Amino acid sequence: MVMARHWYSSSPVVDGQPLLGEPGFWPAYLADLAEGFMPEAFGSDAGDADAMLDRLHDRSA
């Protein structure tokens, strides 16, 4: 069971360390912070970033 602090009560907190080395992780993670962010800035293509963004937002995962 994952222990979450009160400000995460509506969203589960999980260990995402295995995702750090996946293609597209960093551009997908930072996409929500910067509008018009270019995945190429991290040496990733837009397809990898889009696939990872879908994976990060998948509530069933």
C-alpha atoms as a PDB file:
ATOM      1  CA  MET A   1       0.000   0.000   0.000  1.00  0.00           C
ATOM      2  CA  VAL A   2       1.287   3.434  -0.938  1.00  0.00           C
ATOM      3  CA  MET A   3       1.150   6.069   1.762  1.00  0.00           C
ATOM      4  CA  ALA A   4       0.130   9.434   0.369  1.00  0.00           C
ATOM      5  CA  ARG A   5       0.241  12.794   2.057  1.00  0.00           C
ATOM      6  CA  HIS A   6      -3.023  14.668   2.389  1.00  0.00           C
ATOM      7  CA  TRP A   7      -2.431  16.866  -0.681  1.00  0.00           C
ATOM      8  CA  TYR A   8      -2.160  13.726  -2.849  1.00  0.00           C
ATOM      9  CA  SER A   9      -5.324  12.142  -1.520  1.00  0.00           C
ATOM     10  CA  SER A  10      -7.087  12.320  -4.903  1.00  0.00           C
ATOM     11  CA  SER A  11      -4.094  10.987  -6.880  1.00  0.00           C
ATOM     12  CA  PRO A  12      -2.103   7.886  -5.991  1.00  0.00           C
ATOM     13  CA  VAL A  13       1.634   8.322  -5.550  1.00  0.00           C
ATOM     14  CA  VAL A  14       3.653   5.574  -7.205  1.00  0.00           C
ATOM     15  CA  ASP A  15       7.325   4.870  -7.796  1.00  0.00           C
ATOM     16  CA  GLY A  16       8.022   6.128 -11.309  1.00  0.00           C
ATOM     17  CA  GLN A  17      11.783   5.589 -11.289  1.00  0.00           C
ATOM     18  CA  PRO A  18      11.629   2.847 -13.961  1.00  0.00           C
ATOM     19  CA  LEU A  19      10.156   5.412 -16.372  1.00  0.00           C
ATOM     20  CA  LEU A  20      13.118   7.809 -16.131  1.00  0.00           C
ATOM     21  CA  GLY A  21      15.142   5.992 -18.791  1.00  0.00           C
ATOM     22  CA  GLU A  22      12.241   5.427 -21.185  1.00  0.00           C
ATOM     23  CA  PRO A  23      12.270   7.288 -24.520  1.00  0.00           C
ATOM     24  CA  GLY A  24      10.129  10.391 -24.362  1.00  0.00           C
ATOM     25  CA  PHE A  25       9.789  10.526 -20.568  1.00  0.00           C
ATOM     26  CA  TRP A  26      11.332  13.935 -19.915  1.00  0.00           C
ATOM     27  CA  PRO A  27       9.647  15.804 -22.771  1.00  0.00           C
ATOM     28  CA  ALA A  28       6.299  14.245 -21.782  1.00  0.00           C
ATOM     29  CA  TYR A  29       6.795  15.076 -18.106  1.00  0.00           C
ATOM     30  CA  LEU A  30       7.739  18.664 -18.882  1.00  0.00           C
ATOM     31  CA  ALA A  31       5.061  19.159 -21.562  1.00  0.00           C
ATOM     32  CA  ASP A  32       2.506  20.127 -18.926  1.00  0.00           C
ATOM     33  CA  LEU A  33       4.832  22.848 -17.628  1.00  0.00           C
ATOM     34  CA  ALA A  34       5.782  24.605 -20.859  1.00  0.00           C
ATOM     35  CA  GLU A  35       3.486  25.294 -23.772  1.00  0.00           C
ATOM     36  CA  GLY A  36       5.162  24.676 -27.113  1.00  0.00           C
ATOM     37  CA  PHE A  37       7.904  22.533 -25.568  1.00  0.00           C
ATOM     38  CA  MET A  38       9.996  20.766 -28.210  1.00  0.00           C
ATOM     39  CA  PRO A  39      10.758  17.057 -27.561  1.00  0.00           C
ATOM     40  CA  GLU A  40      13.854  17.407 -29.735  1.00  0.00           C
ATOM     41  CA  ALA A  41      15.438  19.483 -26.950  1.00  0.00           C
ATOM     42  CA  PHE A  42      15.917  16.167 -25.095  1.00  0.00           C
ATOM     43  CA  GLY A  43      16.920  14.150 -28.149  1.00  0.00           C
ATOM     44  CA  SER A  44      13.498  12.516 -28.352  1.00  0.00           C
ATOM     45  CA  ASP A  45      10.996  12.501 -31.157  1.00  0.00           C
ATOM     46  CA  ALA A  46       7.420  13.689 -30.839  1.00  0.00           C
ATOM     47  CA  GLY A  47       6.006  10.144 -31.219  1.00  0.00           C
ATOM     48  CA  ASP A  48       7.912   8.874 -28.177  1.00  0.00           C
ATOM     49  CA  ALA A  49       6.842  11.901 -26.146  1.00  0.00           C
ATOM     50  CA  ASP A  50       3.189  11.495 -27.160  1.00  0.00           C
ATOM     51  CA  ALA A  51       3.212   7.789 -26.278  1.00  0.00           C
ATOM     52  CA  MET A  52       4.771   8.514 -22.885  1.00  0.00           C
ATOM     53  CA  LEU A  53       2.301  11.340 -22.229  1.00  0.00           C
ATOM     54  CA  ASP A  54      -0.546   8.882 -22.824  1.00  0.00           C
ATOM     55  CA  ARG A  55       1.141   6.416 -20.480  1.00  0.00           C
ATOM     56  CA  LEU A  56       1.619   9.026 -17.739  1.00  0.00           C
ATOM     57  CA  HIS A  57      -2.018  10.110 -17.912  1.00  0.00           C
ATOM     58  CA  ASP A  58      -3.413   6.553 -17.965  1.00  0.00           C
ATOM     59  CA  ARG A  59      -5.272   6.145 -14.652  1.00  0.00           C
ATOM     60  CA  SER A  60      -5.424   2.373 -15.003  1.00  0.00           C
ATOM     61  CA  ALA A  61      -1.638   1.976 -15.136  1.00  0.00           C
END
